[in-house]
Every structure is written in C-alpha cells, then in structure tokens.
Amino acid sequence: MHGPRMRRVEFAGKGGPEVIRIAEADVPPPGPGQVLIEVAACGVNRPDCLQREGAYPPPKGESDVPGLEVAGKVVAHDDGVAWPRAGEAVCALLGSGGYAEYALADAALCLPVPQALGVVEAAGLPEAFFTVFDNVFTRGRLVAGETFLVHGGSSGIGSTAIQLAKSAGAIVIATAGSPQKCAFCTKLGADLAIDYKTSDFVEAVKAFTAKRGVDLVLDMVGGSYLPRNISVMAIEGRLVQIGFLQSHVTEAFDFRPVMLRRLTLTGSTLRARTVEQKAAISVALREKVWPLLERGEVKPWVAATFPLAEARRAHELMESSAHCGKILLVTGR
C-alpha cells in the first residue's frame, strides 16, 4: 500500500521548458538529521534550468526533482533533530527536491521565517542569501566604505547583493539590461546603475570612481567579462565568480594587472558543498542577516509567482530575463 502522496515536478528527459511534467509520488520520510516540510512555495533559480537541460545534475544522493529552496511548515522530523520541530514555519536551502508539495531538508540548513515576511516570500530567501553572504562578505571580504560592483543587479542574487552591501555601508554599482531594471536597482539602493546594453560598464565605472576602480566585483556572467572586470578593479581588489551566463572559458588576457594591482580572483559554488559547510553559512546568516530581515530593512523582492503546475511558465520567464527579483512556485498548501 502507498502512504501519503504528493505532486511534484519532473523532467521528461533533457531539454527546454517543454520537458517539465507534473507527477505524483510518495511523500518521503525524513532521514537522519532531516525534517519534512509541507511546502508553501519554492524558489526558481537558473541552476534549475541548467539541471533541466542536463548540464547541472544534482549531487549524489539528492533527488532528481529540481528546486534549491523552499518555505513552509515542518510536519515531521528525525528523532535527533532539536530544531526545527513540527509546526515551525521555516525556509530551507536544499540540494534538490523543492518543486514539490513536500520536501526534505537538513535541519541545519533551515532558518525561521522572519516575522516581517510571509511564508511564500520567505521561499525567495535561502539560495540568494546563502550565496550572497558567503561570496560577498566571507569570500569577498566587503567592508563599509568600499566600492562594490555587481553584475545582473536586477536578478535574485543581484537584488540581494545590492541590499546587503548597502546595509553594510558599501558604495554599490550595479549593471542591468534595461532602463526599467536599472531603476529597480536604484530603488534597492544602488548608487549607480548601468544599462550594459547602451553603455560600456568599464567606462561608466571608471568615470564614477574617478579611475580608482572598485574593491569587489561579484560576477555571474564570465566569458568576455573577465578582462573587463579586471580592468575596473582597484588596488587589492577582489573578483568573485559565481556563475557563467556566457562561458566558463575566456580568451587569453593580460595577467600583469593582477600582479601589479595585487588582485584576487576567486569563485565558488554552493550546491556541491557539504551540509556542514553550508550550515556554517546558516549560522552566520541567522546572527548577522536575519535581524535585518526581521526589521524589514532588507527583503526578497518577488517578481512573479506561479502555481506548481505552471512550472513551465516560470522557467520560460526565468530564461527570458524579463523579471526583476525572484520567481516563486506556490503549492497552495
């Protein structure tokens, strides 16, 4: 006999949004250190599209169901879990499995839903906030008074980076692909928003900083942006690479500025790290960022919500890049 059943998203092979299907499956039981969440909403992220295309498979042992972040109510937990307990409203970072009515999460990667947010909004927190905090502040070492350049400022990652960097006292420059997106970045607190389709961001950054350059660049474009990013970095500047909208391969570039200006080039991925490594980020977020969310000083900006059954439309919007902020799937639970 089957136990409780749930709806979830599956991919009927590798391909475009047309391979997205809604299927039924058993509700999974929590394993060691895990909780079972009745999902209210889950976030849609570009890695989900890459997974759909077969270019970003889930780590070993993770579900084939896409979805890296959820929010909802804990309905069951492993005996060894002290928090969160059944009935708690949480958001959680997942290795996979979020596009479903129920999802398993490691208890150590759960965070309380901030009082200033609804549970649906909270589904837009984990992936962006874990990624931004780790790469901008831990890896990128951004501090007050420094100048920060973030590409894709109107994305979920970009909108989070702008808010957290401004909250930390940085001067923020963002690039985006339209006047409307630039206005969105300015609304979030960017000191300068550059439309990369009509302006050369290199020239604009140099003019804004009086040729000094920026202390930190957060980039998810790659490809031709690498030498251009290096050209706008100040002495002791840092570049953190977190994705490749263009290519992970670039043509040869002049490495001398890296030496002469003592630049740091680094990067990271989040999904493949151990639970323990991600849990360390969770602890830091709860201490340093969750108070900002509780006070309403920063928040996830939701561009659109879709029912779970319309995941295909959500992916089409994601790939159109027409949105500003986060895209969420809502289960109705």
C-alpha atoms as a PDB file:
ATOM      1  CA  MET A   1       0.000   0.000   0.000  1.00  0.00           C
ATOM      2  CA  HIS A   2       1.068   3.548  -0.688  1.00  0.00           C
ATOM      3  CA  GLY A   3       1.436   6.120   2.062  1.00  0.00           C
ATOM      4  CA  PRO A   4       0.609   9.816   1.613  1.00  0.00           C
ATOM      5  CA  ARG A   5       1.051  11.101  -1.945  1.00  0.00           C
ATOM      6  CA  MET A   6       2.161  14.444  -3.307  1.00  0.00           C
ATOM      7  CA  ARG A   7       2.521  16.335  -6.563  1.00  0.00           C
ATOM      8  CA  ARG A   8       5.980  17.212  -7.795  1.00  0.00           C
ATOM      9  CA  VAL A   9       7.759  18.464 -10.905  1.00  0.00           C
ATOM     10  CA  GLU A  10       9.753  16.043 -13.036  1.00  0.00           C
ATOM     11  CA  PHE A  11      11.660  16.385 -16.296  1.00  0.00           C
ATOM     12  CA  ALA A  12      10.715  14.052 -19.166  1.00  0.00           C
ATOM     13  CA  GLY A  13      14.298  13.964 -20.423  1.00  0.00           C
ATOM     14  CA  LYS A  14      16.754  16.773 -21.095  1.00  0.00           C
ATOM     15  CA  GLY A  15      15.647  19.883 -22.940  1.00  0.00           C
ATOM     16  CA  GLY A  16      13.728  23.141 -22.774  1.00  0.00           C
ATOM     17  CA  PRO A  17      10.739  24.056 -20.611  1.00  0.00           C
ATOM     18  CA  GLU A  18       8.581  21.700 -22.660  1.00  0.00           C
ATOM     19  CA  VAL A  19      10.073  18.683 -20.805  1.00  0.00           C
ATOM     20  CA  ILE A  20       8.556  19.828 -17.495  1.00  0.00           C
ATOM     21  CA  ARG A  21       5.860  17.496 -16.163  1.00  0.00           C
ATOM     22  CA  ILE A  22       3.697  17.256 -13.039  1.00  0.00           C
ATOM     23  CA  ALA A  23       3.761  13.789 -11.472  1.00  0.00           C
ATOM     24  CA  GLU A  24       2.656  12.071  -8.279  1.00  0.00           C
ATOM     25  CA  ALA A  25       4.976  10.355  -5.816  1.00  0.00           C
ATOM     26  CA  ASP A  26       5.072   9.122  -2.252  1.00  0.00           C
ATOM     27  CA  VAL A  27       5.796  11.708   0.421  1.00  0.00           C
ATOM     28  CA  PRO A  28       9.374  10.922   1.539  1.00  0.00           C
ATOM     29  CA  PRO A  29      10.142  10.215   5.212  1.00  0.00           C
ATOM     30  CA  PRO A  30      12.868  12.280   6.916  1.00  0.00           C
ATOM     31  CA  GLY A  31      16.256  10.597   7.301  1.00  0.00           C
ATOM     32  CA  PRO A  32      18.977  11.275   9.886  1.00  0.00           C
ATOM     33  CA  GLY A  33      19.207  14.979  10.683  1.00  0.00           C
ATOM     34  CA  GLN A  34      16.351  15.836   8.331  1.00  0.00           C
ATOM     35  CA  VAL A  35      12.925  17.442   8.532  1.00  0.00           C
ATOM     36  CA  LEU A  36       9.935  17.068   6.220  1.00  0.00           C
ATOM     37  CA  ILE A  37       8.471  20.394   5.112  1.00  0.00           C
ATOM     38  CA  GLU A  38       4.953  20.895   3.798  1.00  0.00           C
ATOM     39  CA  VAL A  39       5.960  23.330   1.065  1.00  0.00           C
ATOM     40  CA  ALA A  40       4.076  26.604   0.704  1.00  0.00           C
ATOM     41  CA  ALA A  41       6.389  27.900  -2.013  1.00  0.00           C
ATOM     42  CA  CYS A  42       9.723  27.170  -3.638  1.00  0.00           C
ATOM     43  CA  GLY A  43      12.184  29.397  -5.467  1.00  0.00           C
ATOM     44  CA  VAL A  44      13.002  29.112  -9.150  1.00  0.00           C
ATOM     45  CA  ASN A  45      16.690  29.622  -9.958  1.00  0.00           C
ATOM     46  CA  ARG A  46      18.882  29.448 -13.048  1.00  0.00           C
ATOM     47  CA  PRO A  47      20.572  26.242 -11.840  1.00  0.00           C
ATOM     48  CA  ASP A  48      17.129  24.606 -12.088  1.00  0.00           C
ATOM     49  CA  CYS A  49      17.105  25.434 -15.809  1.00  0.00           C
ATOM     50  CA  LEU A  50      20.614  24.032 -16.193  1.00  0.00           C
ATOM     51  CA  GLN A  51      19.520  20.856 -14.397  1.00  0.00           C
ATOM     52  CA  ARG A  52      16.574  20.584 -16.794  1.00  0.00           C
ATOM     53  CA  GLU A  53      18.996  20.818 -19.724  1.00  0.00           C
ATOM     54  CA  GLY A  54      21.185  18.079 -18.247  1.00  0.00           C
ATOM     55  CA  ALA A  55      24.073  20.481 -17.588  1.00  0.00           C
ATOM     56  CA  TYR A  56      23.869  20.619 -13.767  1.00  0.00           C
ATOM     57  CA  PRO A  57      22.884  17.246 -12.279  1.00  0.00           C
ATOM     58  CA  PRO A  58      22.026  17.039  -8.581  1.00  0.00           C
ATOM     59  CA  PRO A  59      24.795  15.886  -6.236  1.00  0.00           C
ATOM     60  CA  LYS A  60      24.990  12.180  -5.461  1.00  0.00           C
ATOM     61  CA  GLY A  61      22.193  11.090  -3.176  1.00  0.00           C
ATOM     62  CA  GLU A  62      19.954  14.080  -3.909  1.00  0.00           C
ATOM     63  CA  SER A  63      16.523  13.950  -5.531  1.00  0.00           C
ATOM     64  CA  ASP A  64      16.163  14.341  -9.304  1.00  0.00           C
ATOM     65  CA  VAL A  65      13.325  16.784  -8.588  1.00  0.00           C
ATOM     66  CA  PRO A  66      14.551  20.368  -9.115  1.00  0.00           C
ATOM     67  CA  GLY A  67      14.375  23.109  -6.518  1.00  0.00           C
ATOM     68  CA  LEU A  68      17.070  24.535  -4.242  1.00  0.00           C
ATOM     69  CA  GLU A  69      14.963  26.457  -1.714  1.00  0.00           C
ATOM     70  CA  VAL A  70      11.565  26.194  -0.055  1.00  0.00           C
ATOM     71  CA  ALA A  71       9.473  27.679   2.711  1.00  0.00           C
ATOM     72  CA  GLY A  72       6.643  26.055   4.618  1.00  0.00           C
ATOM     73  CA  LYS A  73       5.720  24.180   7.785  1.00  0.00           C
ATOM     74  CA  VAL A  74       7.693  21.350   9.336  1.00  0.00           C
ATOM     75  CA  VAL A  75       5.392  18.316   9.616  1.00  0.00           C
ATOM     76  CA  ALA A  76       7.869  15.597  10.650  1.00  0.00           C
ATOM     77  CA  HIS A  77      11.481  15.317  11.737  1.00  0.00           C
ATOM     78  CA  ASP A  78      14.155  12.814  12.626  1.00  0.00           C
ATOM     79  CA  ASP A  79      14.249  11.867  16.320  1.00  0.00           C
ATOM     80  CA  GLY A  80      17.651  13.511  16.701  1.00  0.00           C
ATOM     81  CA  VAL A  81      16.533  16.929  15.470  1.00  0.00           C
ATOM     82  CA  ALA A  82      16.267  19.521  18.264  1.00  0.00           C
ATOM     83  CA  TRP A  83      15.135  22.338  15.929  1.00  0.00           C
ATOM     84  CA  PRO A  84      13.045  22.904  13.932  1.00  0.00           C
ATOM     85  CA  ARG A  85      10.218  20.869  15.396  1.00  0.00           C
ATOM     86  CA  ALA A  86       6.812  20.030  13.910  1.00  0.00           C
ATOM     87  CA  GLY A  87       4.679  23.120  13.395  1.00  0.00           C
ATOM     88  CA  GLU A  88       7.603  25.536  12.880  1.00  0.00           C
ATOM     89  CA  ALA A  89       7.453  27.852   9.857  1.00  0.00           C
ATOM     90  CA  VAL A  90      10.848  27.687   8.152  1.00  0.00           C
ATOM     91  CA  CYS A  91      12.684  28.351   4.937  1.00  0.00           C
ATOM     92  CA  ALA A  92      15.428  25.980   3.893  1.00  0.00           C
ATOM     93  CA  LEU A  93      18.296  25.544   1.474  1.00  0.00           C
ATOM     94  CA  LEU A  94      18.109  22.218  -0.371  1.00  0.00           C
ATOM     95  CA  GLY A  95      20.418  20.178  -2.540  1.00  0.00           C
ATOM     96  CA  SER A  96      17.379  19.379  -4.714  1.00  0.00           C
ATOM     97  CA  GLY A  97      13.705  18.443  -4.423  1.00  0.00           C
ATOM     98  CA  GLY A  98      11.977  21.773  -3.809  1.00  0.00           C
ATOM     99  CA  TYR A  99       9.456  21.664  -6.682  1.00  0.00           C
ATOM    100  CA  ALA A 100       7.030  19.525  -4.720  1.00  0.00           C
ATOM    101  CA  GLU A 101       4.245  19.675  -2.146  1.00  0.00           C
ATOM    102  CA  TYR A 102       6.599  18.140   0.438  1.00  0.00           C
ATOM    103  CA  ALA A 103      10.382  18.372   0.600  1.00  0.00           C
ATOM    104  CA  LEU A 104      13.152  17.003   2.775  1.00  0.00           C
ATOM    105  CA  ALA A 105      15.656  19.437   4.251  1.00  0.00           C
ATOM    106  CA  ASP A 106      18.647  19.122   6.528  1.00  0.00           C
ATOM    107  CA  ALA A 107      17.666  20.658   9.854  1.00  0.00           C
ATOM    108  CA  ALA A 108      20.969  22.534   9.949  1.00  0.00           C
ATOM    109  CA  LEU A 109      20.009  24.363   6.737  1.00  0.00           C
ATOM    110  CA  CYS A 110      16.624  25.567   7.997  1.00  0.00           C
ATOM    111  CA  LEU A 111      16.025  29.109   9.184  1.00  0.00           C
ATOM    112  CA  PRO A 112      12.919  30.647  10.774  1.00  0.00           C
ATOM    113  CA  VAL A 113      10.550  32.622   8.565  1.00  0.00           C
ATOM    114  CA  PRO A 114      11.245  36.273   9.527  1.00  0.00           C
ATOM    115  CA  GLN A 115       8.289  37.978  11.191  1.00  0.00           C
ATOM    116  CA  ALA A 116       8.313  40.764   8.603  1.00  0.00           C
ATOM    117  CA  LEU A 117       7.711  38.271   5.773  1.00  0.00           C
ATOM    118  CA  GLY A 118       5.001  35.881   4.734  1.00  0.00           C
ATOM    119  CA  VAL A 119       5.863  32.228   4.266  1.00  0.00           C
ATOM    120  CA  VAL A 120       5.617  32.484   0.457  1.00  0.00           C
ATOM    121  CA  GLU A 121       8.027  35.434   0.323  1.00  0.00           C
ATOM    122  CA  ALA A 122      10.440  33.537   2.562  1.00  0.00           C
ATOM    123  CA  ALA A 123      10.892  30.903  -0.146  1.00  0.00           C
ATOM    124  CA  GLY A 124      12.916  33.529  -2.016  1.00  0.00           C
ATOM    125  CA  LEU A 125      15.490  33.827   0.772  1.00  0.00           C
ATOM    126  CA  PRO A 126      17.787  30.789   1.061  1.00  0.00           C
ATOM    127  CA  GLU A 127      19.553  30.401  -2.295  1.00  0.00           C
ATOM    128  CA  ALA A 128      20.234  34.117  -2.803  1.00  0.00           C
ATOM    129  CA  PHE A 129      21.073  34.972   0.799  1.00  0.00           C
ATOM    130  CA  PHE A 130      23.355  31.961   1.374  1.00  0.00           C
ATOM    131  CA  THR A 131      25.125  32.699  -1.933  1.00  0.00           C
ATOM    132  CA  VAL A 132      25.481  36.447  -1.451  1.00  0.00           C
ATOM    133  CA  PHE A 133      26.552  36.353   2.174  1.00  0.00           C
ATOM    134  CA  ASP A 134      29.207  33.722   1.570  1.00  0.00           C
ATOM    135  CA  ASN A 135      30.621  35.269  -1.602  1.00  0.00           C
ATOM    136  CA  VAL A 136      30.332  38.985  -0.875  1.00  0.00           C
ATOM    137  CA  PHE A 137      31.261  39.059   2.804  1.00  0.00           C
ATOM    138  CA  THR A 138      33.150  35.843   3.621  1.00  0.00           C
ATOM    139  CA  ARG A 139      34.976  35.225   0.365  1.00  0.00           C
ATOM    140  CA  GLY A 140      34.853  38.789  -0.989  1.00  0.00           C
ATOM    141  CA  ARG A 141      35.582  40.471   2.385  1.00  0.00           C
ATOM    142  CA  LEU A 142      33.450  43.541   1.624  1.00  0.00           C
ATOM    143  CA  VAL A 143      33.514  46.182   4.362  1.00  0.00           C
ATOM    144  CA  ALA A 144      31.972  49.607   4.895  1.00  0.00           C
ATOM    145  CA  GLY A 145      33.312  52.364   2.643  1.00  0.00           C
ATOM    146  CA  GLU A 146      34.412  50.035  -0.150  1.00  0.00           C
ATOM    147  CA  THR A 147      33.007  50.162  -3.668  1.00  0.00           C
ATOM    148  CA  PHE A 148      31.164  47.074  -4.888  1.00  0.00           C
ATOM    149  CA  LEU A 149      30.193  46.158  -8.458  1.00  0.00           C
ATOM    150  CA  VAL A 150      27.525  43.518  -9.000  1.00  0.00           C
ATOM    151  CA  HIS A 151      26.510  42.323 -12.440  1.00  0.00           C
ATOM    152  CA  GLY A 152      22.914  41.266 -13.024  1.00  0.00           C
ATOM    153  CA  GLY A 153      21.691  43.652 -10.367  1.00  0.00           C
ATOM    154  CA  SER A 154      18.009  43.003 -11.056  1.00  0.00           C
ATOM    155  CA  SER A 155      18.286  39.220 -10.551  1.00  0.00           C
ATOM    156  CA  GLY A 156      17.522  37.411  -7.316  1.00  0.00           C
ATOM    157  CA  ILE A 157      21.232  37.300  -6.488  1.00  0.00           C
ATOM    158  CA  GLY A 158      21.807  40.874  -7.641  1.00  0.00           C
ATOM    159  CA  SER A 159      18.880  42.375  -5.742  1.00  0.00           C
ATOM    160  CA  THR A 160      20.033  40.617  -2.572  1.00  0.00           C
ATOM    161  CA  ALA A 161      23.642  41.733  -3.080  1.00  0.00           C
ATOM    162  CA  ILE A 162      22.645  45.370  -3.539  1.00  0.00           C
ATOM    163  CA  GLN A 163      20.603  45.406  -0.340  1.00  0.00           C
ATOM    164  CA  LEU A 164      23.143  43.612   1.845  1.00  0.00           C
ATOM    165  CA  ALA A 165      26.082  45.629   0.523  1.00  0.00           C
ATOM    166  CA  LYS A 166      24.269  48.916   1.171  1.00  0.00           C
ATOM    167  CA  SER A 167      23.300  47.711   4.625  1.00  0.00           C
ATOM    168  CA  ALA A 168      26.992  47.057   5.285  1.00  0.00           C
ATOM    169  CA  GLY A 169      27.909  50.626   4.284  1.00  0.00           C
ATOM    170  CA  ALA A 170      29.369  49.957   0.836  1.00  0.00           C
ATOM    171  CA  ILE A 171      29.072  52.091  -2.292  1.00  0.00           C
ATOM    172  CA  VAL A 172      27.181  49.957  -4.804  1.00  0.00           C
ATOM    173  CA  ILE A 173      27.354  49.894  -8.599  1.00  0.00           C
ATOM    174  CA  ALA A 174      25.049  47.527 -10.483  1.00  0.00           C
ATOM    175  CA  THR A 175      24.690  46.574 -14.124  1.00  0.00           C
ATOM    176  CA  ALA A 176      21.359  45.589 -15.659  1.00  0.00           C
ATOM    177  CA  GLY A 177      19.848  45.171 -19.121  1.00  0.00           C
ATOM    178  CA  SER A 178      17.182  47.887 -19.423  1.00  0.00           C
ATOM    179  CA  PRO A 179      16.200  51.308 -18.042  1.00  0.00           C
ATOM    180  CA  GLN A 180      13.450  49.615 -16.002  1.00  0.00           C
ATOM    181  CA  LYS A 181      15.904  47.163 -14.476  1.00  0.00           C
ATOM    182  CA  CYS A 182      18.338  49.974 -13.705  1.00  0.00           C
ATOM    183  CA  ALA A 183      15.541  51.886 -11.975  1.00  0.00           C
ATOM    184  CA  PHE A 184      14.829  48.755  -9.920  1.00  0.00           C
ATOM    185  CA  CYS A 185      18.497  48.580  -8.858  1.00  0.00           C
ATOM    186  CA  THR A 186      18.444  52.253  -7.861  1.00  0.00           C
ATOM    187  CA  LYS A 187      15.260  51.681  -5.855  1.00  0.00           C
ATOM    188  CA  LEU A 188      17.069  48.939  -3.924  1.00  0.00           C
ATOM    189  CA  GLY A 189      19.883  51.340  -3.058  1.00  0.00           C
ATOM    190  CA  ALA A 190      22.435  51.141  -5.876  1.00  0.00           C
ATOM    191  CA  ASP A 191      24.452  54.364  -6.083  1.00  0.00           C
ATOM    192  CA  LEU A 192      24.933  53.834  -9.811  1.00  0.00           C
ATOM    193  CA  ALA A 193      23.003  51.561 -12.179  1.00  0.00           C
ATOM    194  CA  ILE A 194      24.480  50.988 -15.642  1.00  0.00           C
ATOM    195  CA  ASP A 195      22.449  49.745 -18.607  1.00  0.00           C
ATOM    196  CA  TYR A 196      25.023  47.416 -20.149  1.00  0.00           C
ATOM    197  CA  LYS A 197      23.091  47.299 -23.416  1.00  0.00           C
ATOM    198  CA  THR A 198      23.517  51.015 -24.064  1.00  0.00           C
ATOM    199  CA  SER A 199      26.647  51.886 -22.045  1.00  0.00           C
ATOM    200  CA  ASP A 200      30.124  50.434 -21.591  1.00  0.00           C
ATOM    201  CA  PHE A 201      30.219  49.459 -17.920  1.00  0.00           C
ATOM    202  CA  VAL A 202      34.017  49.760 -17.893  1.00  0.00           C
ATOM    203  CA  GLU A 203      33.932  53.423 -18.898  1.00  0.00           C
ATOM    204  CA  ALA A 204      30.992  54.161 -16.603  1.00  0.00           C
ATOM    205  CA  VAL A 205      32.704  52.580 -13.585  1.00  0.00           C
ATOM    206  CA  LYS A 206      35.965  54.398 -14.256  1.00  0.00           C
ATOM    207  CA  ALA A 207      34.142  57.712 -14.564  1.00  0.00           C
ATOM    208  CA  PHE A 208      32.106  57.137 -11.376  1.00  0.00           C
ATOM    209  CA  THR A 209      35.167  56.153  -9.330  1.00  0.00           C
ATOM    210  CA  ALA A 210      37.473  58.794 -10.844  1.00  0.00           C
ATOM    211  CA  LYS A 211      39.530  55.930 -12.342  1.00  0.00           C
ATOM    212  CA  ARG A 212      40.202  54.390  -8.903  1.00  0.00           C
ATOM    213  CA  GLY A 213      38.103  51.315  -9.641  1.00  0.00           C
ATOM    214  CA  VAL A 214      36.098  49.006  -7.391  1.00  0.00           C
ATOM    215  CA  ASP A 215      37.159  46.930  -4.410  1.00  0.00           C
ATOM    216  CA  LEU A 216      34.929  43.943  -5.131  1.00  0.00           C
ATOM    217  CA  VAL A 217      33.206  42.503  -8.210  1.00  0.00           C
ATOM    218  CA  LEU A 218      30.516  39.824  -7.980  1.00  0.00           C
ATOM    219  CA  ASP A 219      30.094  38.268 -11.413  1.00  0.00           C
ATOM    220  CA  MET A 220      27.873  35.539 -12.820  1.00  0.00           C
ATOM    221  CA  VAL A 221      28.487  36.342 -16.497  1.00  0.00           C
ATOM    222  CA  GLY A 222      32.006  35.078 -17.159  1.00  0.00           C
ATOM    223  CA  GLY A 223      33.349  34.838 -20.693  1.00  0.00           C
ATOM    224  CA  SER A 224      34.302  38.256 -22.072  1.00  0.00           C
ATOM    225  CA  TYR A 225      33.585  39.906 -18.724  1.00  0.00           C
ATOM    226  CA  LEU A 226      36.767  38.573 -17.074  1.00  0.00           C
ATOM    227  CA  PRO A 227      39.280  41.017 -18.611  1.00  0.00           C
ATOM    228  CA  ARG A 228      36.754  43.832 -18.386  1.00  0.00           C
ATOM    229  CA  ASN A 229      36.188  43.149 -14.685  1.00  0.00           C
ATOM    230  CA  ILE A 230      39.926  43.133 -14.068  1.00  0.00           C
ATOM    231  CA  SER A 231      40.244  46.486 -15.822  1.00  0.00           C
ATOM    232  CA  VAL A 232      37.900  48.179 -13.308  1.00  0.00           C
ATOM    233  CA  MET A 233      39.369  46.677 -10.135  1.00  0.00           C
ATOM    234  CA  ALA A 234      41.186  48.916  -7.655  1.00  0.00           C
ATOM    235  CA  ILE A 235      44.475  48.054  -5.975  1.00  0.00           C
ATOM    236  CA  GLU A 236      43.912  44.979  -3.757  1.00  0.00           C
ATOM    237  CA  GLY A 237      40.566  44.433  -5.490  1.00  0.00           C
ATOM    238  CA  ARG A 238      38.752  41.089  -5.410  1.00  0.00           C
ATOM    239  CA  LEU A 239      36.713  39.323  -8.093  1.00  0.00           C
ATOM    240  CA  VAL A 240      34.311  36.553  -7.023  1.00  0.00           C
ATOM    241  CA  GLN A 241      32.921  34.405  -9.860  1.00  0.00           C
ATOM    242  CA  ILE A 242      29.677  32.580  -9.083  1.00  0.00           C
ATOM    243  CA  GLY A 243      28.298  31.633 -12.493  1.00  0.00           C
ATOM    244  CA  PHE A 244      28.627  31.752 -16.266  1.00  0.00           C
ATOM    245  CA  LEU A 245      25.789  33.245 -18.295  1.00  0.00           C
ATOM    246  CA  GLN A 246      28.315  33.493 -21.123  1.00  0.00           C
ATOM    247  CA  SER A 247      31.077  30.892 -20.933  1.00  0.00           C
ATOM    248  CA  HIS A 248      33.398  29.360 -18.350  1.00  0.00           C
ATOM    249  CA  VAL A 249      36.178  29.686 -20.954  1.00  0.00           C
ATOM    250  CA  THR A 250      37.690  33.018 -21.945  1.00  0.00           C
ATOM    251  CA  GLU A 251      40.308  34.104 -24.433  1.00  0.00           C
ATOM    252  CA  ALA A 252      43.812  34.855 -23.184  1.00  0.00           C
ATOM    253  CA  PHE A 253      44.085  38.123 -21.258  1.00  0.00           C
ATOM    254  CA  ASP A 254      46.900  40.217 -19.856  1.00  0.00           C
ATOM    255  CA  PHE A 255      47.684  38.896 -16.371  1.00  0.00           C
ATOM    256  CA  ARG A 256      50.040  41.743 -15.463  1.00  0.00           C
ATOM    257  CA  PRO A 257      47.349  43.921 -13.812  1.00  0.00           C
ATOM    258  CA  VAL A 258      46.630  41.065 -11.389  1.00  0.00           C
ATOM    259  CA  MET A 259      50.235  41.238 -10.226  1.00  0.00           C
ATOM    260  CA  LEU A 260      50.717  44.996 -10.374  1.00  0.00           C
ATOM    261  CA  ARG A 261      47.484  45.788  -8.515  1.00  0.00           C
ATOM    262  CA  ARG A 262      47.668  42.733  -6.247  1.00  0.00           C
ATOM    263  CA  LEU A 263      44.237  41.497  -7.302  1.00  0.00           C
ATOM    264  CA  THR A 264      42.472  38.384  -6.011  1.00  0.00           C
ATOM    265  CA  LEU A 265      40.490  36.203  -8.401  1.00  0.00           C
ATOM    266  CA  THR A 266      38.307  33.587  -6.737  1.00  0.00           C
ATOM    267  CA  GLY A 267      34.932  31.913  -7.049  1.00  0.00           C
ATOM    268  CA  SER A 268      32.690  29.279  -5.567  1.00  0.00           C
ATOM    269  CA  THR A 269      29.679  27.045  -5.988  1.00  0.00           C
ATOM    270  CA  LEU A 270      27.189  26.327  -3.222  1.00  0.00           C
ATOM    271  CA  ARG A 271      25.255  23.200  -4.133  1.00  0.00           C
ATOM    272  CA  ALA A 272      28.138  20.712  -4.024  1.00  0.00           C
ATOM    273  CA  ARG A 273      29.403  21.734  -0.577  1.00  0.00           C
ATOM    274  CA  THR A 274      28.883  19.573   2.475  1.00  0.00           C
ATOM    275  CA  VAL A 275      25.974  20.104   4.843  1.00  0.00           C
ATOM    276  CA  GLU A 276      28.485  21.159   7.494  1.00  0.00           C
ATOM    277  CA  GLN A 277      29.949  23.851   5.241  1.00  0.00           C
ATOM    278  CA  LYS A 278      26.509  25.183   4.352  1.00  0.00           C
ATOM    279  CA  ALA A 279      25.447  25.025   7.997  1.00  0.00           C
ATOM    280  CA  ALA A 280      28.269  27.411   8.909  1.00  0.00           C
ATOM    281  CA  ILE A 281      26.777  29.936   6.465  1.00  0.00           C
ATOM    282  CA  SER A 282      23.334  29.347   8.005  1.00  0.00           C
ATOM    283  CA  VAL A 283      24.645  30.161  11.476  1.00  0.00           C
ATOM    284  CA  ALA A 284      26.233  33.397  10.229  1.00  0.00           C
ATOM    285  CA  LEU A 285      23.045  34.393   8.392  1.00  0.00           C
ATOM    286  CA  ARG A 286      20.914  33.901  11.472  1.00  0.00           C
ATOM    287  CA  GLU A 287      23.265  36.058  13.532  1.00  0.00           C
ATOM    288  CA  LYS A 288      24.087  38.834  11.073  1.00  0.00           C
ATOM    289  CA  VAL A 289      21.374  38.994   8.406  1.00  0.00           C
ATOM    290  CA  TRP A 290      18.167  37.648   9.964  1.00  0.00           C
ATOM    291  CA  PRO A 291      17.882  40.700  12.283  1.00  0.00           C
ATOM    292  CA  LEU A 292      17.828  42.906   9.152  1.00  0.00           C
ATOM    293  CA  LEU A 293      15.024  40.783   7.712  1.00  0.00           C
ATOM    294  CA  GLU A 294      13.107  40.829  10.993  1.00  0.00           C
ATOM    295  CA  ARG A 295      13.231  44.640  10.972  1.00  0.00           C
ATOM    296  CA  GLY A 296      12.221  44.829   7.312  1.00  0.00           C
ATOM    297  CA  GLU A 297      15.474  46.553   6.316  1.00  0.00           C
ATOM    298  CA  VAL A 298      16.140  44.016   3.552  1.00  0.00           C
ATOM    299  CA  LYS A 299      13.831  41.503   1.873  1.00  0.00           C
ATOM    300  CA  PRO A 300      13.493  39.197  -1.096  1.00  0.00           C
ATOM    301  CA  TRP A 301      11.857  41.044  -3.995  1.00  0.00           C
ATOM    302  CA  VAL A 302       9.320  38.769  -5.648  1.00  0.00           C
ATOM    303  CA  ALA A 303       8.868  39.345  -9.374  1.00  0.00           C
ATOM    304  CA  ALA A 304       6.206  36.701 -10.006  1.00  0.00           C
ATOM    305  CA  THR A 305       4.527  33.662  -8.507  1.00  0.00           C
ATOM    306  CA  PHE A 306       3.136  30.679 -10.407  1.00  0.00           C
ATOM    307  CA  PRO A 307       1.200  27.609  -9.283  1.00  0.00           C
ATOM    308  CA  LEU A 308       3.358  24.495  -9.095  1.00  0.00           C
ATOM    309  CA  ALA A 309       1.524  23.108 -12.139  1.00  0.00           C
ATOM    310  CA  GLU A 310       2.759  26.091 -14.168  1.00  0.00           C
ATOM    311  CA  ALA A 311       6.465  25.476 -13.579  1.00  0.00           C
ATOM    312  CA  ARG A 312       6.977  25.593 -17.347  1.00  0.00           C
ATOM    313  CA  ARG A 313       5.819  29.235 -17.436  1.00  0.00           C
ATOM    314  CA  ALA A 314       8.129  30.036 -14.540  1.00  0.00           C
ATOM    315  CA  HIS A 315      11.108  28.589 -16.420  1.00  0.00           C
ATOM    316  CA  GLU A 316      10.148  30.477 -19.564  1.00  0.00           C
ATOM    317  CA  LEU A 317      10.109  33.726 -17.584  1.00  0.00           C
ATOM    318  CA  MET A 318      13.447  32.898 -15.956  1.00  0.00           C
ATOM    319  CA  GLU A 319      15.060  32.253 -19.328  1.00  0.00           C
ATOM    320  CA  SER A 320      13.564  35.424 -20.835  1.00  0.00           C
ATOM    321  CA  SER A 321      15.359  37.522 -18.180  1.00  0.00           C
ATOM    322  CA  ALA A 322      12.381  39.880 -18.264  1.00  0.00           C
ATOM    323  CA  HIS A 323      11.871  39.795 -14.490  1.00  0.00           C
ATOM    324  CA  CYS A 324      13.258  41.826 -11.594  1.00  0.00           C
ATOM    325  CA  GLY A 325      13.820  39.811  -8.417  1.00  0.00           C
ATOM    326  CA  LYS A 326      12.731  36.294  -7.520  1.00  0.00           C
ATOM    327  CA  ILE A 327      10.372  33.873  -9.262  1.00  0.00           C
ATOM    328  CA  LEU A 328       8.419  31.520  -6.984  1.00  0.00           C
ATOM    329  CA  LEU A 329       6.225  28.448  -7.392  1.00  0.00           C
ATOM    330  CA  VAL A 330       3.294  28.229  -4.956  1.00  0.00           C
ATOM    331  CA  THR A 331       1.781  24.882  -3.970  1.00  0.00           C
ATOM    332  CA  GLY A 332      -1.424  26.183  -2.443  1.00  0.00           C
ATOM    333  CA  ARG A 333      -0.682  24.414   0.845  1.00  0.00           C
END
